[in-house]
Amino acid sequence: MTVADAETGVEFVVVRADLYARIRRLVEDRSDEEIQATASQINEIMQDDDALDPWLESYQTP
């Protein structure tokens, strides 16, 4: 899910705390190459998760 700052328009990604903890463990103490590979994997996982989320559109609509 993303939210945007009303004043700046900057978008932020909002994830459940347990998912954030898992993501954080994946990227701590990693090389740039490992981080890029992990980011790609996370994007794929999130796309799959979003595809199965019946409420996704309501999260993204202001």
Protein backbone atom coordinates (compact mmCIF):
# COMPACT_ATOMS: atom_id res chain seq x y z
CA MET A 1 0.00 0.00 0.00
CA THR A 2 1.23 3.50 -0.67
CA VAL A 3 0.27 6.80 0.88
CA ALA A 4 1.27 10.27 -0.23
CA ASP A 5 2.20 13.26 1.87
CA ALA A 6 -0.52 15.81 1.13
CA GLU A 7 1.92 18.72 1.19
CA THR A 8 4.85 17.30 -0.75
CA GLY A 9 3.28 14.52 -2.80
CA VAL A 10 6.06 12.17 -1.69
CA GLU A 11 4.82 8.59 -1.70
CA PHE A 12 5.53 6.11 1.07
CA VAL A 13 5.05 2.36 1.14
CA VAL A 14 3.06 1.04 4.08
CA VAL A 15 3.53 -2.58 5.09
CA ARG A 16 2.57 -4.63 8.12
CA ALA A 17 5.10 -4.46 10.94
CA ASP A 18 5.88 -8.17 10.74
CA LEU A 19 6.64 -7.89 7.02
CA TYR A 20 8.81 -4.83 7.64
CA ALA A 21 10.80 -6.76 10.25
CA ARG A 22 11.40 -9.56 7.73
CA ILE A 23 12.40 -7.10 5.01
CA ARG A 24 14.71 -5.26 7.37
CA ARG A 25 16.51 -8.47 8.30
CA LEU A 26 16.98 -9.21 4.62
CA VAL A 27 18.69 -5.92 3.84
CA GLU A 28 20.81 -5.31 6.93
CA ASP A 29 24.54 -5.76 6.40
CA ARG A 30 24.21 -6.56 2.70
CA SER A 31 26.21 -5.41 -0.31
CA ASP A 32 24.59 -3.14 -2.89
CA GLU A 33 24.26 -6.08 -5.28
CA GLU A 34 22.54 -8.18 -2.63
CA ILE A 35 20.23 -5.28 -1.75
CA GLN A 36 19.23 -4.83 -5.41
CA ALA A 37 18.53 -8.56 -5.77
CA THR A 38 16.52 -8.57 -2.56
CA ALA A 39 14.56 -5.48 -3.63
CA SER A 40 13.62 -7.22 -6.87
CA GLN A 41 12.43 -10.27 -4.95
CA ILE A 42 10.42 -8.09 -2.57
CA ASN A 43 8.75 -6.31 -5.50
CA GLU A 44 7.75 -9.66 -7.00
CA ILE A 45 6.37 -10.88 -3.68
CA MET A 46 4.44 -7.67 -3.10
CA GLN A 47 2.96 -7.83 -6.61
CA ASP A 48 1.75 -11.35 -5.92
CA ASP A 49 0.35 -10.25 -2.55
CA ASP A 50 -1.35 -7.22 -4.11
CA ALA A 51 -2.92 -9.38 -6.81
CA LEU A 52 -4.65 -11.44 -4.13
CA ASP A 53 -5.74 -8.46 -1.99
CA PRO A 54 -9.45 -7.75 -2.54
CA TRP A 55 -9.12 -4.46 -0.64
CA LEU A 56 -6.09 -3.12 -2.52
CA GLU A 57 -7.99 -0.58 -4.57
CA SER A 58 -9.59 0.91 -1.45
CA TYR A 59 -6.11 1.39 0.08
CA GLN A 60 -4.87 3.25 -2.96
CA THR A 61 -7.87 5.52 -3.45
CA PRO A 62 -7.56 8.83 -1.59
